[in-house]
Amino acid sequence: MLRLLGRKSSSNVRKVLWALEELQLRYEREDVGGEFGRNRDPEFLALNPNGLVPVLIDADVVAWESNSILRYLGAKYGEGALWESDPGKRARIDRWMDWQLTVVSPSVSLLTMALVFKPPKLLPGEEISNARERLAGAFRILDRELSGKSFLGDERFSLADISVGVVTYRWLALPIEREPLPNLQRWYAGLSARPAFVSSVPV
């Protein structure tokens, strides 16, 4: 049986949970990281030397980095569901997964820390403002991409929707003002109604 190491409060763990639920795979999850600790223990560092969650164990395969885990699950278990064997179609999925990691997640993480967790040492207002502007521009791009489309990667639900969908969930939870983005809102409403989303993403 698949083992997933990581606390559910982690957005990266939620991405993997969503994929597991979409693929209807049997798995066990163990709370690791955050308030549960264990991620600096030698046994965990032997699995992932970065000490980060999630980690997926599938027999003799140990996978870490959430989007890499998504690709592994898609390639092994999701052919015809979450995965595309055609390189061109797969590239359309991969680009949005990488966009989530490099363009969106850093600013979402910064604003979550500044506005939700509110550390004792406050971030400069300009840094917070810049992050908000970067996100506004990024989600405008996403809204344009979704014009006339139900899903991000191609004509069907894919790993791209999981990867970007979870970070969108986090963005929508931030206490900030957002401009109306009708295509994004329609797409997200469809995602958030999926049973696998409901059972894995909201906390």
Protein backbone atom coordinates (compact mmCIF):
# COMPACT_ATOMS: atom_id res chain seq x y z
CA MET A 1 0.00 0.00 0.00
CA LEU A 2 1.17 3.55 -0.71
CA ARG A 3 2.40 5.58 2.28
CA LEU A 4 2.19 9.36 2.34
CA LEU A 5 4.22 11.19 4.97
CA GLY A 6 3.03 14.71 5.71
CA ARG A 7 0.51 16.74 7.66
CA LYS A 8 -2.73 17.64 5.91
CA SER A 9 -2.30 21.33 6.75
CA SER A 10 0.48 21.45 4.15
CA SER A 11 -0.71 22.62 0.74
CA ASN A 12 1.89 20.41 -0.91
CA VAL A 13 0.54 17.38 0.92
CA ARG A 14 -2.99 18.31 -0.13
CA LYS A 15 -1.97 18.25 -3.79
CA VAL A 16 -0.82 14.65 -3.42
CA LEU A 17 -3.91 13.68 -1.42
CA TRP A 18 -6.14 15.12 -4.15
CA ALA A 19 -4.34 13.08 -6.82
CA LEU A 20 -4.55 9.91 -4.73
CA GLU A 21 -8.28 10.44 -4.25
CA GLU A 22 -8.88 11.18 -7.94
CA LEU A 23 -7.08 7.95 -8.86
CA GLN A 24 -8.95 6.04 -6.13
CA LEU A 25 -5.72 4.54 -4.83
CA ARG A 26 -5.38 2.89 -1.44
CA TYR A 27 -2.92 4.69 0.82
CA GLU A 28 -2.01 5.44 4.40
CA ARG A 29 -1.06 8.92 5.56
CA GLU A 30 1.12 9.71 8.57
CA ASP A 31 1.29 13.14 10.19
CA VAL A 32 4.83 14.47 9.77
CA GLY A 33 6.13 18.05 9.86
CA GLY A 34 4.88 21.20 11.53
CA GLU A 35 3.48 20.57 14.97
CA PHE A 36 3.96 16.80 14.50
CA GLY A 37 7.72 17.00 13.99
CA ARG A 38 9.63 13.87 12.90
CA ASN A 39 10.81 15.54 9.68
CA ARG A 40 14.30 16.15 11.15
CA ASP A 41 14.63 12.60 12.48
CA PRO A 42 17.39 10.53 10.87
CA GLU A 43 14.82 8.03 9.58
CA PHE A 44 12.93 10.75 7.72
CA LEU A 45 16.06 12.49 6.45
CA ALA A 46 17.14 9.17 4.96
CA LEU A 47 14.00 9.38 2.81
CA ASN A 48 14.18 13.11 2.04
CA PRO A 49 17.41 14.87 2.99
CA ASN A 50 15.65 18.25 2.74
CA GLY A 51 13.45 17.38 5.72
CA LEU A 52 10.31 18.52 3.91
CA VAL A 53 6.91 16.96 3.32
CA PRO A 54 5.35 15.30 1.44
CA VAL A 55 7.18 12.05 0.89
CA LEU A 56 5.49 9.20 -0.97
CA ILE A 57 6.64 5.61 -0.53
CA ASP A 58 5.51 3.08 -3.12
CA ALA A 59 7.26 -0.24 -2.51
CA ASP A 60 10.93 0.50 -3.29
CA VAL A 61 10.22 3.96 -4.76
CA VAL A 62 10.65 7.02 -2.52
CA ALA A 63 9.41 10.25 -4.10
CA TRP A 64 9.59 13.82 -2.76
CA GLU A 65 8.74 17.30 -4.06
CA SER A 66 4.98 17.51 -4.48
CA ASN A 67 4.81 18.12 -8.23
CA SER A 68 7.32 15.33 -8.84
CA ILE A 69 5.10 13.05 -6.78
CA LEU A 70 2.10 14.13 -8.87
CA ARG A 71 3.98 13.25 -12.06
CA TYR A 72 5.00 9.88 -10.63
CA LEU A 73 1.42 9.04 -9.67
CA GLY A 74 0.14 10.22 -13.01
CA ALA A 75 2.69 8.23 -15.00
CA LYS A 76 2.27 5.03 -13.01
CA TYR A 77 -1.43 5.05 -12.17
CA GLY A 78 -3.10 7.83 -14.14
CA GLU A 79 -2.69 7.04 -17.83
CA GLY A 80 -5.87 8.25 -19.51
CA ALA A 81 -6.96 10.00 -16.31
CA LEU A 82 -4.46 12.57 -15.00
CA TRP A 83 -1.54 11.82 -17.30
CA GLU A 84 -0.82 12.40 -20.97
CA SER A 85 1.62 10.18 -22.87
CA ASP A 86 1.76 12.61 -25.79
CA PRO A 87 4.73 14.95 -25.18
CA GLY A 88 2.96 18.02 -26.55
CA LYS A 89 -0.11 17.54 -24.37
CA ARG A 90 2.06 16.75 -21.38
CA ALA A 91 4.05 19.95 -21.91
CA ARG A 92 0.83 21.95 -21.62
CA ILE A 93 0.27 20.35 -18.23
CA ASP A 94 3.87 20.68 -17.05
CA ARG A 95 4.11 24.38 -17.82
CA TRP A 96 1.22 25.21 -15.47
CA MET A 97 2.64 22.98 -12.74
CA ASP A 98 5.97 24.82 -13.01
CA TRP A 99 4.14 28.17 -13.17
CA GLN A 100 2.46 27.32 -9.88
CA LEU A 101 5.83 26.61 -8.26
CA THR A 102 7.83 29.52 -9.61
CA VAL A 103 5.34 32.34 -10.20
CA VAL A 104 2.44 31.91 -7.78
CA SER A 105 3.47 29.92 -4.70
CA PRO A 106 6.29 32.22 -3.49
CA SER A 107 3.97 35.23 -3.29
CA VAL A 108 1.09 33.22 -1.80
CA SER A 109 3.45 31.86 0.87
CA LEU A 110 4.75 35.35 1.65
CA LEU A 111 1.25 36.79 2.05
CA THR A 112 0.09 33.82 4.11
CA MET A 113 2.96 34.36 6.51
CA ALA A 114 2.45 38.12 6.68
CA LEU A 115 -1.35 38.31 6.82
CA VAL A 116 -2.44 35.01 8.40
CA PHE A 117 0.36 33.85 10.71
CA LYS A 118 1.54 37.42 11.40
CA PRO A 119 5.10 36.85 12.61
CA PRO A 120 6.48 39.07 15.39
CA LYS A 121 8.81 40.76 12.93
CA LEU A 122 6.50 42.23 10.33
CA LEU A 123 7.44 42.19 6.67
CA PRO A 124 7.90 45.59 5.01
CA GLY A 125 4.67 46.99 3.59
CA GLU A 126 6.27 47.40 0.18
CA GLU A 127 7.16 43.71 0.07
CA ILE A 128 3.57 42.76 0.90
CA SER A 129 2.20 45.19 -1.69
CA ASN A 130 4.52 43.84 -4.37
CA ALA A 131 3.47 40.28 -3.64
CA ARG A 132 -0.20 41.24 -3.97
CA GLU A 133 0.47 42.93 -7.31
CA ARG A 134 2.42 39.93 -8.60
CA LEU A 135 -0.46 37.63 -7.68
CA ALA A 136 -3.06 39.91 -9.24
CA GLY A 137 -1.12 39.83 -12.50
CA ALA A 138 -0.58 36.07 -12.33
CA PHE A 139 -4.25 35.30 -11.77
CA ARG A 140 -5.23 37.62 -14.63
CA ILE A 141 -3.06 35.42 -16.84
CA LEU A 142 -4.84 32.35 -15.49
CA ASP A 143 -8.25 33.94 -16.09
CA ARG A 144 -7.37 34.66 -19.72
CA GLU A 145 -6.06 31.13 -20.21
CA LEU A 146 -9.34 29.68 -18.93
CA SER A 147 -11.53 31.64 -21.33
CA GLY A 148 -13.73 29.07 -23.06
CA LYS A 149 -11.96 26.20 -21.30
CA SER A 150 -13.05 23.86 -18.52
CA PHE A 151 -9.54 22.77 -17.57
CA LEU A 152 -5.99 24.06 -17.71
CA GLY A 153 -3.85 21.47 -19.45
CA ASP A 154 -6.11 20.36 -22.26
CA GLU A 155 -9.70 19.27 -22.78
CA ARG A 156 -9.85 17.21 -19.58
CA PHE A 157 -8.97 17.43 -15.91
CA SER A 158 -5.26 16.85 -15.25
CA LEU A 159 -2.38 17.31 -12.84
CA ALA A 160 -2.24 20.97 -13.87
CA ASP A 161 -5.68 21.57 -12.35
CA ILE A 162 -4.60 19.90 -9.10
CA SER A 163 -1.36 21.83 -8.82
CA VAL A 164 -2.83 25.23 -9.64
CA GLY A 165 -6.15 24.47 -7.95
CA VAL A 166 -4.59 24.02 -4.50
CA VAL A 167 -2.60 27.26 -4.68
CA THR A 168 -5.77 29.02 -5.88
CA TYR A 169 -7.56 27.70 -2.79
CA ARG A 170 -4.85 29.28 -0.65
CA TRP A 171 -5.02 32.57 -2.58
CA LEU A 172 -8.80 32.76 -2.15
CA ALA A 173 -8.40 32.24 1.61
CA LEU A 174 -6.13 35.26 2.00
CA PRO A 175 -7.69 38.38 3.62
CA ILE A 176 -7.12 40.58 0.55
CA GLU A 177 -9.28 42.23 -2.07
CA ARG A 178 -9.47 40.49 -5.44
CA GLU A 179 -10.81 41.73 -8.75
CA PRO A 180 -13.60 39.75 -10.46
CA LEU A 181 -12.11 37.00 -12.63
CA PRO A 182 -15.12 35.17 -14.11
CA ASN A 183 -13.25 32.45 -16.01
CA LEU A 184 -11.14 31.59 -13.00
CA GLN A 185 -14.18 31.61 -10.73
CA ARG A 186 -16.07 29.25 -13.06
CA TRP A 187 -13.09 26.89 -13.29
CA TYR A 188 -12.51 26.90 -9.54
CA ALA A 189 -16.20 26.27 -8.81
CA GLY A 190 -15.98 23.14 -10.93
CA LEU A 191 -12.81 21.97 -9.20
CA SER A 192 -14.08 22.60 -5.68
CA ALA A 193 -17.21 20.53 -6.39
CA ARG A 194 -15.20 17.41 -7.21
CA PRO A 195 -15.49 14.78 -4.45
CA ALA A 196 -11.71 14.25 -4.40
CA PHE A 197 -11.17 17.98 -3.82
CA VAL A 198 -13.74 18.07 -1.02
CA SER A 199 -12.12 15.16 0.79
CA SER A 200 -8.53 16.35 0.48
CA VAL A 201 -8.09 20.12 0.12
CA PRO A 202 -10.24 22.10 2.61
CA VAL A 203 -8.97 22.11 6.19
